[in-house]
Amino acid sequence: MPPAMTPSAEYSACLALPFAVLGVRIAERSLTGLEFLPADTPSRGSDDALVAAVAEQLQAYLADPAHRFDLPIRLQGTPFRQRVWQALMQIPVGETRSYGELARQLESSARAVGQALGDNPLPIVVPCHRVVSSAGLGGFDHHAAGAAIEIKRWLLRHEHAI
């Protein structure tokens, strides 16, 4: 029987950032996933050039929140989710939109927009953290409290949006 896989084994790399460990998924020479992992997940790099570019660009973002990511990405989702994720990339650094505002822009409902945001496979690169509730911070990564909300708060503070 093969040894049990550690959670980090399913990622191309696990990058330690000031607010989280980020699991990086690469497929077919494209960035396909970024996932926030438990804080105690060991970090590990990779010899892959694209992983190195992802790590470099994340560091550039940490140094300057206005950094524009320029990575080959592949977003897989329904046409609606694709529209939501494209709209997120139009929200400038340092600004937020409410779920309702984004829903009106896309002629949809705030709930459907929230679901698409929670399913965003590339948080930070596709900045779903820039969407907030009309009454506060709102959710993040399908969570309404805990570590995910602290990550959202950190990202918005970093971008001077709150």
Protein backbone atom coordinates (compact mmCIF):
# COMPACT_ATOMS: atom_id res chain seq x y z
CA MET A 1 0.00 0.00 0.00
CA PRO A 2 1.49 3.42 -0.96
CA PRO A 3 2.18 5.94 1.79
CA ALA A 4 -0.54 8.49 2.48
CA MET A 5 -0.17 11.70 0.51
CA THR A 6 0.37 14.83 2.51
CA PRO A 7 -2.07 17.62 1.63
CA SER A 8 0.77 19.63 0.08
CA ALA A 9 1.68 16.76 -2.28
CA GLU A 10 -1.24 17.59 -4.57
CA TYR A 11 0.27 21.02 -5.39
CA SER A 12 3.14 21.98 -7.67
CA ALA A 13 4.44 24.11 -4.79
CA CYS A 14 3.37 25.49 -1.42
CA LEU A 15 4.42 29.11 -0.96
CA ALA A 16 4.60 30.78 2.44
CA LEU A 17 3.17 34.30 2.38
CA PRO A 18 2.80 36.69 5.34
CA PHE A 19 -0.89 35.80 5.72
CA ALA A 20 -1.11 32.17 4.55
CA VAL A 21 0.49 29.23 2.80
CA LEU A 22 -0.63 29.14 -0.81
CA GLY A 23 -0.93 25.86 -2.72
CA VAL A 24 -0.04 26.37 -6.39
CA ARG A 25 -1.50 24.22 -9.14
CA ILE A 26 0.08 24.16 -12.60
CA ALA A 27 -1.29 22.25 -15.59
CA GLU A 28 -0.44 22.44 -19.26
CA ARG A 29 1.96 25.36 -18.74
CA SER A 30 -0.75 27.48 -17.09
CA LEU A 31 -1.56 28.50 -13.55
CA THR A 32 -4.83 26.73 -12.79
CA GLY A 33 -5.21 27.03 -9.04
CA LEU A 34 -4.19 28.88 -5.90
CA GLU A 35 -5.54 27.57 -2.63
CA PHE A 36 -5.14 28.87 0.90
CA LEU A 37 -3.77 26.03 3.03
CA PRO A 38 -3.58 25.59 6.80
CA ALA A 39 -0.92 27.80 8.38
CA ASP A 40 1.10 24.77 9.50
CA THR A 41 1.46 23.41 5.94
CA PRO A 42 5.18 23.16 5.14
CA SER A 43 6.28 25.42 2.32
CA ARG A 44 8.12 23.94 -0.62
CA GLY A 45 9.25 25.33 -3.93
CA SER A 46 9.73 23.73 -7.31
CA ASP A 47 12.19 23.75 -10.18
CA ASP A 48 9.33 24.57 -12.56
CA ALA A 49 9.85 27.93 -14.31
CA LEU A 50 6.16 28.81 -14.07
CA VAL A 51 6.10 28.13 -10.33
CA ALA A 52 9.14 30.40 -10.01
CA ALA A 53 7.29 33.11 -11.98
CA VAL A 54 4.23 32.74 -9.75
CA ALA A 55 6.39 33.06 -6.62
CA GLU A 56 8.23 36.06 -8.08
CA GLN A 57 5.01 37.85 -9.03
CA LEU A 58 3.43 37.16 -5.64
CA GLN A 59 6.51 38.74 -4.03
CA ALA A 60 6.16 41.72 -6.39
CA TYR A 61 2.52 42.07 -5.28
CA LEU A 62 3.58 41.92 -1.63
CA ALA A 63 6.11 44.70 -2.28
CA ASP A 64 3.65 46.77 -4.32
CA PRO A 65 -0.10 46.03 -4.26
CA ALA A 66 -0.44 47.79 -7.63
CA HIS A 67 1.62 45.03 -9.27
CA ARG A 68 -0.24 43.64 -12.29
CA PHE A 69 0.01 39.88 -12.58
CA ASP A 70 1.21 38.68 -15.97
CA LEU A 71 0.98 34.90 -15.84
CA PRO A 72 -0.47 32.31 -18.20
CA ILE A 73 -3.70 31.37 -16.46
CA ARG A 74 -6.48 28.92 -17.21
CA LEU A 75 -9.82 29.58 -15.55
CA GLN A 76 -12.25 26.70 -15.85
CA GLY A 77 -15.86 27.41 -15.06
CA THR A 78 -19.28 28.07 -16.52
CA PRO A 79 -19.75 31.02 -18.86
CA PHE A 80 -21.36 32.95 -15.99
CA ARG A 81 -18.41 32.32 -13.68
CA GLN A 82 -16.03 33.34 -16.45
CA ARG A 83 -17.92 36.65 -16.75
CA VAL A 84 -17.75 37.21 -12.98
CA TRP A 85 -14.02 36.43 -12.84
CA GLN A 86 -13.33 38.75 -15.78
CA ALA A 87 -15.27 41.54 -14.02
CA LEU A 88 -13.14 41.05 -10.90
CA MET A 89 -9.99 41.74 -12.88
CA GLN A 90 -11.44 45.16 -13.80
CA ILE A 91 -11.73 46.33 -10.18
CA PRO A 92 -8.75 48.61 -9.54
CA VAL A 93 -6.34 48.07 -6.66
CA GLY A 94 -7.47 50.02 -3.60
CA GLU A 95 -11.15 49.87 -4.58
CA THR A 96 -13.97 47.54 -3.71
CA ARG A 97 -17.36 46.71 -5.16
CA SER A 98 -20.33 45.28 -3.35
CA TYR A 99 -21.86 41.96 -4.31
CA GLY A 100 -24.97 43.90 -5.33
CA GLU A 101 -23.04 46.33 -7.53
CA LEU A 102 -21.30 43.47 -9.31
CA ALA A 103 -24.61 41.61 -9.65
CA ARG A 104 -26.26 44.65 -11.26
CA GLN A 105 -23.32 45.07 -13.62
CA LEU A 106 -23.63 41.42 -14.67
CA GLU A 107 -27.45 41.42 -14.61
CA SER A 108 -27.49 38.65 -12.04
CA SER A 109 -28.13 38.14 -8.34
CA ALA A 110 -25.77 38.89 -5.47
CA ARG A 111 -26.05 35.26 -4.33
CA ALA A 112 -24.95 33.92 -7.74
CA VAL A 113 -22.06 36.39 -7.79
CA GLY A 114 -21.05 35.30 -4.27
CA GLN A 115 -21.03 31.65 -5.31
CA ALA A 116 -18.82 32.44 -8.32
CA LEU A 117 -16.47 34.43 -6.08
CA GLY A 118 -16.20 31.56 -3.62
CA ASP A 119 -15.35 29.21 -6.49
CA ASN A 120 -12.64 31.49 -7.89
CA PRO A 121 -9.69 29.15 -8.57
CA LEU A 122 -7.10 31.95 -8.58
CA PRO A 123 -7.62 34.24 -5.59
CA ILE A 124 -5.24 37.20 -5.43
CA VAL A 125 -4.53 36.95 -9.19
CA VAL A 126 -8.28 37.19 -9.85
CA PRO A 127 -9.02 39.59 -6.97
CA CYS A 128 -12.26 38.29 -5.44
CA HIS A 129 -11.21 39.86 -2.13
CA ARG A 130 -12.18 43.26 -3.63
CA VAL A 131 -15.88 42.38 -3.42
CA VAL A 132 -17.51 43.19 -0.09
CA SER A 133 -20.93 43.17 1.48
CA SER A 134 -22.94 46.39 1.52
CA ALA A 135 -22.97 45.96 5.32
CA GLY A 136 -19.32 45.03 5.89
CA LEU A 137 -16.56 42.75 4.74
CA GLY A 138 -18.69 39.86 3.49
CA GLY A 139 -17.40 36.35 2.97
CA PHE A 140 -14.30 34.92 1.38
CA ASP A 141 -13.51 31.52 -0.06
CA HIS A 142 -16.96 30.24 0.98
CA HIS A 143 -16.33 31.28 4.62
CA ALA A 144 -18.02 33.97 6.69
CA ALA A 145 -15.53 33.91 9.57
CA GLY A 146 -12.16 32.60 10.66
CA ALA A 147 -8.86 32.45 8.81
CA ALA A 148 -10.39 33.12 5.39
CA ILE A 149 -11.86 36.44 6.54
CA GLU A 150 -8.55 37.40 8.13
CA ILE A 151 -6.84 36.73 4.78
CA LYS A 152 -9.41 38.94 3.00
CA ARG A 153 -8.90 41.67 5.59
CA TRP A 154 -5.11 41.42 5.18
CA LEU A 155 -5.35 41.68 1.38
CA LEU A 156 -7.69 44.69 1.50
CA ARG A 157 -5.47 46.47 4.04
CA HIS A 158 -2.43 45.70 1.90
CA GLU A 159 -4.20 47.33 -1.06
CA HIS A 160 -5.33 50.29 1.10
CA ALA A 161 -8.97 49.43 0.33
CA ILE A 162 -10.04 49.42 4.02
